[in-house]
């Protein structure tokens, strides 16, 4: 008679019942794979640094003509409207 394989500590009974096989000639009910640990592809970082400028902008919802400043990438269009202007309330 074949001795039953003991359930490892920390594995639930239901899970062990699905992956355990009493007869070593039969495959398990659910196929299992070894996880590939730490085999994720490395992040692809950009080469070089983008240039940024400290530029003024005005809020179209304000009537006092106040000038504010923010950082904008050199590659962006300098005449582009402020992206949060669509949320302005008058």
PDB file of N, CA and C in Angstrom:
ATOM      1  N   UNK A   1       0.843  -1.191   0.000  1.00  0.00           N
ATOM      2  CA  UNK A   1       0.000   0.000   0.000  1.00  0.00           C
ATOM      3  C   UNK A   1       0.884   1.248   0.000  1.00  0.00           C
ATOM      4  N   UNK A   2       0.456   2.240  -0.754  1.00  0.00           N
ATOM      5  CA  UNK A   2       1.205   3.490  -0.870  1.00  0.00           C
ATOM      6  C   UNK A   2       0.794   4.420   0.264  1.00  0.00           C
ATOM      7  N   UNK A   3       1.805   4.985   0.929  1.00  0.00           N
ATOM      8  CA  UNK A   3       1.496   5.947   1.998  1.00  0.00           C
ATOM      9  C   UNK A   3       1.014   7.259   1.390  1.00  0.00           C
ATOM     10  N   UNK A   4      -0.031   7.859   1.936  1.00  0.00           N
ATOM     11  CA  UNK A   4      -0.486   9.146   1.399  1.00  0.00           C
ATOM     12  C   UNK A   4       0.534  10.246   1.686  1.00  0.00           C
ATOM     13  N   UNK A   5       0.617  11.174   0.764  1.00  0.00           N
ATOM     14  CA  UNK A   5       1.544  12.296   0.926  1.00  0.00           C
ATOM     15  C   UNK A   5       0.935  13.271   1.912  1.00  0.00           C
ATOM     16  N   UNK A   6       1.754  13.736   2.881  1.00  0.00           N
ATOM     17  CA  UNK A   6       1.246  14.667   3.882  1.00  0.00           C
ATOM     18  C   UNK A   6       1.076  16.053   3.282  1.00  0.00           C
ATOM     19  N   UNK A   7       0.060  16.731   3.717  1.00  0.00           N
ATOM     20  CA  UNK A   7      -0.215  18.098   3.271  1.00  0.00           C
ATOM     21  C   UNK A   7       0.780  19.042   3.924  1.00  0.00           C
ATOM     22  N   UNK A   8       1.450  19.892   3.124  1.00  0.00           N
ATOM     23  CA  UNK A   8       2.389  20.851   3.715  1.00  0.00           C
ATOM     24  C   UNK A   8       1.662  21.879   4.572  1.00  0.00           C
ATOM     25  N   UNK A   9       2.339  22.360   5.557  1.00  0.00           N
ATOM     26  CA  UNK A   9       1.756  23.366   6.443  1.00  0.00           C
ATOM     27  C   UNK A   9       1.528  24.662   5.661  1.00  0.00           C
ATOM     28  N   UNK A  10       0.371  25.284   5.848  1.00  0.00           N
ATOM     29  CA  UNK A  10       0.063  26.544   5.191  1.00  0.00           C
ATOM     30  C   UNK A  10      -0.743  26.367   3.913  1.00  0.00           C
ATOM     31  N   UNK A  11      -0.931  25.128   3.448  1.00  0.00           N
ATOM     32  CA  UNK A  11      -1.728  24.875   2.250  1.00  0.00           C
ATOM     33  C   UNK A  11      -3.106  24.409   2.707  1.00  0.00           C
ATOM     34  N   UNK A  12      -4.145  25.057   2.218  1.00  0.00           N
ATOM     35  CA  UNK A  12      -5.499  24.691   2.616  1.00  0.00           C
ATOM     36  C   UNK A  12      -5.853  23.289   2.109  1.00  0.00           C
ATOM     37  N   UNK A  13      -6.735  22.648   2.811  1.00  0.00           N
ATOM     38  CA  UNK A  13      -7.123  21.285   2.490  1.00  0.00           C
ATOM     39  C   UNK A  13      -7.715  21.181   1.087  1.00  0.00           C
ATOM     40  N   UNK A  14      -8.550  22.145   0.710  1.00  0.00           N
ATOM     41  CA  UNK A  14      -9.192  22.108  -0.600  1.00  0.00           C
ATOM     42  C   UNK A  14      -8.167  22.260  -1.722  1.00  0.00           C
ATOM     43  N   UNK A  15      -7.212  23.162  -1.526  1.00  0.00           N
ATOM     44  CA  UNK A  15      -6.169  23.368  -2.533  1.00  0.00           C
ATOM     45  C   UNK A  15      -5.308  22.129  -2.647  1.00  0.00           C
ATOM     46  N   UNK A  16      -4.949  21.542  -1.511  1.00  0.00           N
ATOM     47  CA  UNK A  16      -4.119  20.347  -1.531  1.00  0.00           C
ATOM     48  C   UNK A  16      -4.853  19.193  -2.218  1.00  0.00           C
ATOM     49  N   UNK A  17      -6.157  19.127  -2.027  1.00  0.00           N
ATOM     50  CA  UNK A  17      -6.937  18.081  -2.682  1.00  0.00           C
ATOM     51  C   UNK A  17      -6.938  18.219  -4.196  1.00  0.00           C
ATOM     52  N   UNK A  18      -6.829  19.456  -4.689  1.00  0.00           N
ATOM     53  CA  UNK A  18      -6.796  19.661  -6.135  1.00  0.00           C
ATOM     54  C   UNK A  18      -5.423  19.399  -6.741  1.00  0.00           C
ATOM     55  N   UNK A  19      -4.369  19.747  -6.029  1.00  0.00           N
ATOM     56  CA  UNK A  19      -3.036  19.608  -6.621  1.00  0.00           C
ATOM     57  C   UNK A  19      -2.323  18.325  -6.229  1.00  0.00           C
ATOM     58  N   UNK A  20      -2.781  17.655  -5.199  1.00  0.00           N
ATOM     59  CA  UNK A  20      -2.119  16.435  -4.731  1.00  0.00           C
ATOM     60  C   UNK A  20      -2.570  15.256  -5.579  1.00  0.00           C
ATOM     61  N   UNK A  21      -1.657  14.331  -5.784  1.00  0.00           N
ATOM     62  CA  UNK A  21      -2.003  13.094  -6.486  1.00  0.00           C
ATOM     63  C   UNK A  21      -1.516  11.917  -5.652  1.00  0.00           C
ATOM     64  N   UNK A  22      -2.408  10.981  -5.371  1.00  0.00           N
ATOM     65  CA  UNK A  22      -2.034   9.800  -4.593  1.00  0.00           C
ATOM     66  C   UNK A  22      -1.262   8.812  -5.462  1.00  0.00           C
ATOM     67  N   UNK A  23      -1.687   8.689  -6.702  1.00  0.00           N
ATOM     68  CA  UNK A  23      -1.014   7.771  -7.623  1.00  0.00           C
ATOM     69  C   UNK A  23      -0.025   8.592  -8.436  1.00  0.00           C
ATOM     70  N   UNK A  24       1.262   8.306  -8.307  1.00  0.00           N
ATOM     71  CA  UNK A  24       2.291   9.117  -8.959  1.00  0.00           C
ATOM     72  C   UNK A  24       2.276   8.978 -10.474  1.00  0.00           C
ATOM     73  N   UNK A  25       1.541   7.989 -11.017  1.00  0.00           N
ATOM     74  CA  UNK A  25       1.476   7.803 -12.461  1.00  0.00           C
ATOM     75  C   UNK A  25       0.449   8.742 -13.101  1.00  0.00           C
ATOM     76  N   UNK A  26      -0.463   9.275 -12.323  1.00  0.00           N
ATOM     77  CA  UNK A  26      -1.492  10.145 -12.864  1.00  0.00           C
ATOM     78  C   UNK A  26      -1.086  11.611 -12.700  1.00  0.00           C
ATOM     79  N   UNK A  27      -1.432  12.433 -13.691  1.00  0.00           N
ATOM     80  CA  UNK A  27      -1.139  13.863 -13.542  1.00  0.00           C
ATOM     81  C   UNK A  27      -2.118  14.510 -12.563  1.00  0.00           C
ATOM     82  N   UNK A  28      -1.780  15.674 -12.005  1.00  0.00           N
ATOM     83  CA  UNK A  28      -2.712  16.344 -11.101  1.00  0.00           C
ATOM     84  C   UNK A  28      -3.946  16.840 -11.852  1.00  0.00           C
ATOM     85  N   UNK A  29      -5.019  17.100 -11.131  1.00  0.00           N
ATOM     86  CA  UNK A  29      -6.259  17.557 -11.747  1.00  0.00           C
ATOM     87  C   UNK A  29      -6.067  18.942 -12.376  1.00  0.00           C
ATOM     88  N   UNK A  30      -5.390  19.817 -11.670  1.00  0.00           N
ATOM     89  CA  UNK A  30      -5.137  21.167 -12.167  1.00  0.00           C
ATOM     90  C   UNK A  30      -3.657  21.284 -12.511  1.00  0.00           C
ATOM     91  N   UNK A  31      -3.323  21.638 -13.747  1.00  0.00           N
ATOM     92  CA  UNK A  31      -1.900  21.772 -14.076  1.00  0.00           C
ATOM     93  C   UNK A  31      -1.279  22.935 -13.311  1.00  0.00           C
ATOM     94  N   UNK A  32      -0.089  22.730 -12.853  1.00  0.00           N
ATOM     95  CA  UNK A  32       0.600  23.773 -12.100  1.00  0.00           C
ATOM     96  C   UNK A  32       1.886  24.140 -12.810  1.00  0.00           C
ATOM     97  N   UNK A  33       2.264  25.389 -12.703  1.00  0.00           N
ATOM     98  CA  UNK A  33       3.507  25.861 -13.285  1.00  0.00           C
ATOM     99  C   UNK A  33       4.324  26.526 -12.200  1.00  0.00           C
ATOM    100  N   UNK A  34       5.615  26.426 -12.342  1.00  0.00           N
ATOM    101  CA  UNK A  34       6.481  27.142 -11.425  1.00  0.00           C
ATOM    102  C   UNK A  34       6.493  28.603 -11.839  1.00  0.00           C
ATOM    103  N   UNK A  35       6.202  29.527 -10.926  1.00  0.00           N
ATOM    104  CA  UNK A  35       6.222  30.940 -11.302  1.00  0.00           C
ATOM    105  C   UNK A  35       7.637  31.391 -11.596  1.00  0.00           C
ATOM    106  N   UNK A  36       7.758  32.239 -12.599  1.00  0.00           N
ATOM    107  CA  UNK A  36       9.057  32.800 -12.932  1.00  0.00           C
ATOM    108  C   UNK A  36       9.302  33.987 -12.010  1.00  0.00           C
ATOM    109  N   UNK A  37      10.093  33.780 -11.004  1.00  0.00           N
ATOM    110  CA  UNK A  37      10.347  34.836 -10.039  1.00  0.00           C
ATOM    111  C   UNK A  37      11.453  35.755 -10.532  1.00  0.00           C
ATOM    112  N   UNK A  38      11.227  37.032 -10.402  1.00  0.00           N
ATOM    113  CA  UNK A  38      12.216  38.052 -10.720  1.00  0.00           C
ATOM    114  C   UNK A  38      12.703  37.971 -12.168  1.00  0.00           C
ATOM    115  N   UNK A  39      11.842  37.628 -13.061  1.00  0.00           N
ATOM    116  CA  UNK A  39      12.216  37.554 -14.470  1.00  0.00           C
ATOM    117  C   UNK A  39      11.483  38.616 -15.293  1.00  0.00           C
ATOM    118  N   UNK A  40      11.024  39.666 -14.648  1.00  0.00           N
ATOM    119  CA  UNK A  40      10.323  40.720 -15.365  1.00  0.00           C
ATOM    120  C   UNK A  40      11.313  41.496 -16.226  1.00  0.00           C
ATOM    121  N   UNK A  41      10.861  41.936 -17.392  1.00  0.00           N
ATOM    122  CA  UNK A  41      11.786  42.721 -18.221  1.00  0.00           C
ATOM    123  C   UNK A  41      12.113  44.048 -17.542  1.00  0.00           C
ATOM    124  N   UNK A  42      13.316  44.509 -17.776  1.00  0.00           N
ATOM    125  CA  UNK A  42      13.734  45.759 -17.174  1.00  0.00           C
ATOM    126  C   UNK A  42      13.010  46.918 -17.833  1.00  0.00           C
ATOM    127  N   UNK A  43      12.807  47.962 -17.077  1.00  0.00           N
ATOM    128  CA  UNK A  43      12.146  49.146 -17.611  1.00  0.00           C
ATOM    129  C   UNK A  43      13.030  49.797 -18.664  1.00  0.00           C
ATOM    130  N   UNK A  44      12.400  50.267 -19.711  1.00  0.00           N
ATOM    131  CA  UNK A  44      13.146  50.954 -20.755  1.00  0.00           C
ATOM    132  C   UNK A  44      13.076  52.443 -20.477  1.00  0.00           C
ATOM    133  N   UNK A  45      14.170  52.997 -20.069  1.00  0.00           N
ATOM    134  CA  UNK A  45      14.222  54.411 -19.744  1.00  0.00           C
ATOM    135  C   UNK A  45      14.669  55.204 -20.962  1.00  0.00           C
ATOM    136  N   UNK A  46      14.194  56.437 -21.022  1.00  0.00           N
ATOM    137  CA  UNK A  46      14.597  57.308 -22.113  1.00  0.00           C
ATOM    138  C   UNK A  46      16.069  57.638 -21.985  1.00  0.00           C
ATOM    139  N   UNK A  47      16.675  57.824 -23.115  1.00  0.00           N
ATOM    140  CA  UNK A  47      18.064  58.244 -23.127  1.00  0.00           C
ATOM    141  C   UNK A  47      18.094  59.761 -23.152  1.00  0.00           C
ATOM    142  N   UNK A  48      18.785  60.352 -22.244  1.00  0.00           N
ATOM    143  CA  UNK A  48      18.887  61.798 -22.195  1.00  0.00           C
ATOM    144  C   UNK A  48      17.831  62.412 -21.301  1.00  0.00           C
ATOM    145  N   UNK A  49      17.919  63.726 -21.184  1.00  0.00           N
ATOM    146  CA  UNK A  49      17.021  64.470 -20.307  1.00  0.00           C
ATOM    147  C   UNK A  49      16.261  65.489 -21.141  1.00  0.00           C
ATOM    148  N   UNK A  50      14.965  65.638 -20.865  1.00  0.00           N
ATOM    149  CA  UNK A  50      14.187  66.647 -21.576  1.00  0.00           C
ATOM    150  C   UNK A  50      14.424  68.011 -20.950  1.00  0.00           C
ATOM    151  N   UNK A  51      14.401  69.025 -21.770  1.00  0.00           N
ATOM    152  CA  UNK A  51      14.576  70.400 -21.299  1.00  0.00           C
ATOM    153  C   UNK A  51      13.219  70.965 -20.876  1.00  0.00           C
ATOM    154  N   UNK A  52      13.220  71.740 -19.783  1.00  0.00           N
ATOM    155  CA  UNK A  52      12.006  72.365 -19.259  1.00  0.00           C
ATOM    156  C   UNK A  52      12.267  73.846 -19.070  1.00  0.00           C
ATOM    157  N   UNK A  53      11.221  74.643 -19.280  1.00  0.00           N
ATOM    158  CA  UNK A  53      11.299  76.088 -19.087  1.00  0.00           C
ATOM    159  C   UNK A  53      10.269  76.535 -18.062  1.00  0.00           C
ATOM    160  N   UNK A  54      10.599  77.562 -17.312  1.00  0.00           N
ATOM    161  CA  UNK A  54       9.697  78.187 -16.344  1.00  0.00           C
ATOM    162  C   UNK A  54       9.019  79.324 -17.097  1.00  0.00           C
ATOM    163  N   UNK A  55       7.757  79.109 -17.509  1.00  0.00           N
ATOM    164  CA  UNK A  55       7.105  80.085 -18.377  1.00  0.00           C
ATOM    165  C   UNK A  55       5.860  80.662 -17.717  1.00  0.00           C
ATOM    166  N   UNK A  56       5.494  81.886 -18.099  1.00  0.00           N
ATOM    167  CA  UNK A  56       4.275  82.483 -17.558  1.00  0.00           C
ATOM    168  C   UNK A  56       3.045  81.995 -18.325  1.00  0.00           C
ATOM    169  N   UNK A  57       1.928  82.006 -17.646  1.00  0.00           N
ATOM    170  CA  UNK A  57       0.648  81.733 -18.300  1.00  0.00           C
ATOM    171  C   UNK A  57      -0.414  82.538 -17.586  1.00  0.00           C
ATOM    172  N   UNK A  58      -1.522  82.765 -18.271  1.00  0.00           N
ATOM    173  CA  UNK A  58      -2.632  83.496 -17.661  1.00  0.00           C
ATOM    174  C   UNK A  58      -3.860  82.606 -17.673  1.00  0.00           C
ATOM    175  N   UNK A  59      -4.671  82.760 -16.660  1.00  0.00           N
ATOM    176  CA  UNK A  59      -5.887  81.984 -16.538  1.00  0.00           C
ATOM    177  C   UNK A  59      -6.999  82.723 -17.273  1.00  0.00           C
ATOM    178  N   UNK A  60      -7.627  82.107 -18.298  1.00  0.00           N
ATOM    179  CA  UNK A  60      -8.654  82.812 -19.065  1.00  0.00           C
ATOM    180  C   UNK A  60      -9.921  83.124 -18.269  1.00  0.00           C
ATOM    181  N   UNK A  61     -10.138  82.481 -17.135  1.00  0.00           N
ATOM    182  CA  UNK A  61     -11.330  82.748 -16.339  1.00  0.00           C
ATOM    183  C   UNK A  61     -11.148  83.980 -15.463  1.00  0.00           C
ATOM    184  N   UNK A  62      -9.936  84.440 -15.305  1.00  0.00           N
ATOM    185  CA  UNK A  62      -9.684  85.623 -14.462  1.00  0.00           C
ATOM    186  C   UNK A  62      -9.764  86.879 -15.301  1.00  0.00           C
ATOM    187  N   UNK A  63     -10.321  87.907 -14.724  1.00  0.00           N
ATOM    188  CA  UNK A  63     -10.450  89.182 -15.442  1.00  0.00           C
ATOM    189  C   UNK A  63      -9.387  90.187 -15.001  1.00  0.00           C
ATOM    190  N   UNK A  64      -8.618  89.864 -13.964  1.00  0.00           N
ATOM    191  CA  UNK A  64      -7.621  90.813 -13.467  1.00  0.00           C
ATOM    192  C   UNK A  64      -6.281  90.703 -14.201  1.00  0.00           C
ATOM    193  N   UNK A  65      -6.136  89.746 -15.146  1.00  0.00           N
ATOM    194  CA  UNK A  65      -4.917  89.627 -15.929  1.00  0.00           C
ATOM    195  C   UNK A  65      -3.720  89.126 -15.139  1.00  0.00           C
ATOM    196  N   UNK A  66      -3.942  88.381 -14.089  1.00  0.00           N
ATOM    197  CA  UNK A  66      -2.843  87.873 -13.269  1.00  0.00           C
ATOM    198  C   UNK A  66      -1.992  86.892 -14.065  1.00  0.00           C
ATOM    199  N   UNK A  67      -0.677  86.968 -13.870  1.00  0.00           N
ATOM    200  CA  UNK A  67       0.259  86.070 -14.536  1.00  0.00           C
ATOM    201  C   UNK A  67       0.758  85.041 -13.520  1.00  0.00           C
ATOM    202  N   UNK A  68       0.687  83.782 -13.894  1.00  0.00           N
ATOM    203  CA  UNK A  68       1.187  82.695 -13.067  1.00  0.00           C
ATOM    204  C   UNK A  68       2.301  82.003 -13.834  1.00  0.00           C
ATOM    205  N   UNK A  69       3.070  81.173 -13.162  1.00  0.00           N
ATOM    206  CA  UNK A  69       4.191  80.476 -13.792  1.00  0.00           C
ATOM    207  C   UNK A  69       4.102  78.984 -13.515  1.00  0.00           C
ATOM    208  N   UNK A  70       4.571  78.222 -14.490  1.00  0.00           N
ATOM    209  CA  UNK A  70       4.695  76.781 -14.296  1.00  0.00           C
ATOM    210  C   UNK A  70       5.776  76.246 -15.229  1.00  0.00           C
ATOM    211  N   UNK A  71       6.185  74.987 -14.978  1.00  0.00           N
ATOM    212  CA  UNK A  71       7.198  74.352 -15.810  1.00  0.00           C
ATOM    213  C   UNK A  71       6.513  73.726 -17.016  1.00  0.00           C
ATOM    214  N   UNK A  72       7.099  73.931 -18.188  1.00  0.00           N
ATOM    215  CA  UNK A  72       6.583  73.330 -19.409  1.00  0.00           C
ATOM    216  C   UNK A  72       7.761  72.809 -20.221  1.00  0.00           C
ATOM    217  N   UNK A  73       7.564  71.642 -20.830  1.00  0.00           N
ATOM    218  CA  UNK A  73       8.606  71.034 -21.651  1.00  0.00           C
ATOM    219  C   UNK A  73       8.889  71.919 -22.863  1.00  0.00           C
ATOM    220  N   UNK A  74      10.134  71.983 -23.272  1.00  0.00           N
ATOM    221  CA  UNK A  74      10.520  72.827 -24.403  1.00  0.00           C
ATOM    222  C   UNK A  74       9.840  72.356 -25.677  1.00  0.00           C
ATOM    223  N   UNK A  75       9.581  71.059 -25.802  1.00  0.00           N
ATOM    224  CA  UNK A  75       8.967  70.513 -27.012  1.00  0.00           C
ATOM    225  C   UNK A  75       7.491  70.875 -27.138  1.00  0.00           C
ATOM    226  N   UNK A  76       6.825  71.267 -26.054  1.00  0.00           N
ATOM    227  CA  UNK A  76       5.406  71.627 -26.097  1.00  0.00           C
ATOM    228  C   UNK A  76       5.213  72.967 -26.792  1.00  0.00           C
ATOM    229  N   UNK A  77       4.010  73.158 -27.323  1.00  0.00           N
ATOM    230  CA  UNK A  77       3.655  74.419 -27.979  1.00  0.00           C
ATOM    231  C   UNK A  77       3.506  75.505 -26.908  1.00  0.00           C
ATOM    232  N   UNK A  78       4.268  76.598 -26.986  1.00  0.00           N
ATOM    233  CA  UNK A  78       4.193  77.636 -25.943  1.00  0.00           C
ATOM    234  C   UNK A  78       2.867  78.407 -25.965  1.00  0.00           C
ATOM    235  N   UNK A  79       2.133  78.378 -27.061  1.00  0.00           N
ATOM    236  CA  UNK A  79       0.868  79.117 -27.159  1.00  0.00           C
ATOM    237  C   UNK A  79      -0.340  78.249 -26.814  1.00  0.00           C
ATOM    238  N   UNK A  80      -0.089  77.013 -26.421  1.00  0.00           N
ATOM    239  CA  UNK A  80      -1.187  76.110 -26.073  1.00  0.00           C
ATOM    240  C   UNK A  80      -1.899  76.615 -24.821  1.00  0.00           C
ATOM    241  N   UNK A  81      -3.234  76.490 -24.827  1.00  0.00           N
ATOM    242  CA  UNK A  81      -4.025  76.951 -23.683  1.00  0.00           C
ATOM    243  C   UNK A  81      -3.717  76.099 -22.458  1.00  0.00           C
ATOM    244  N   UNK A  82      -3.826  76.729 -21.298  1.00  0.00           N
ATOM    245  CA  UNK A  82      -3.590  76.042 -20.032  1.00  0.00           C
ATOM    246  C   UNK A  82      -4.546  74.847 -19.935  1.00  0.00           C
ATOM    247  N   UNK A  83      -4.068  73.610 -19.646  1.00  0.00           N
ATOM    248  CA  UNK A  83      -4.921  72.414 -19.718  1.00  0.00           C
ATOM    249  C   UNK A  83      -6.085  72.395 -18.740  1.00  0.00           C
ATOM    250  N   UNK A  84      -5.999  73.138 -17.640  1.00  0.00           N
ATOM    251  CA  UNK A  84      -7.087  73.126 -16.667  1.00  0.00           C
ATOM    252  C   UNK A  84      -8.087  74.246 -16.900  1.00  0.00           C
ATOM    253  N   UNK A  85      -7.925  74.995 -18.001  1.00  0.00           N
ATOM    254  CA  UNK A  85      -8.836  76.094 -18.295  1.00  0.00           C
ATOM    255  C   UNK A  85     -10.252  75.602 -18.567  1.00  0.00           C
ATOM    256  N   UNK A  86     -10.403  74.363 -18.982  1.00  0.00           N
ATOM    257  CA  UNK A  86     -11.752  73.851 -19.270  1.00  0.00           C
ATOM    258  C   UNK A  86     -12.583  73.684 -17.996  1.00  0.00           C
ATOM    259  N   UNK A  87     -11.964  73.694 -16.834  1.00  0.00           N
ATOM    260  CA  UNK A  87     -12.693  73.571 -15.574  1.00  0.00           C
ATOM    261  C   UNK A  87     -13.019  74.924 -14.951  1.00  0.00           C
ATOM    262  N   UNK A  88     -12.676  76.001 -15.608  1.00  0.00           N
ATOM    263  CA  UNK A  88     -12.890  77.337 -15.049  1.00  0.00           C
ATOM    264  C   UNK A  88     -14.371  77.671 -14.960  1.00  0.00           C
ATOM    265  N   UNK A  89     -14.738  78.334 -13.895  1.00  0.00           N
ATOM    266  CA  UNK A  89     -16.111  78.802 -13.690  1.00  0.00           C
ATOM    267  C   UNK A  89     -16.057  80.310 -13.584  1.00  0.00           C
ATOM    268  N   UNK A  90     -16.984  80.978 -14.233  1.00  0.00           N
ATOM    269  CA  UNK A  90     -17.047  82.439 -14.186  1.00  0.00           C
ATOM    270  C   UNK A  90     -18.197  82.845 -13.280  1.00  0.00           C
TER     271      UNK A  90
END
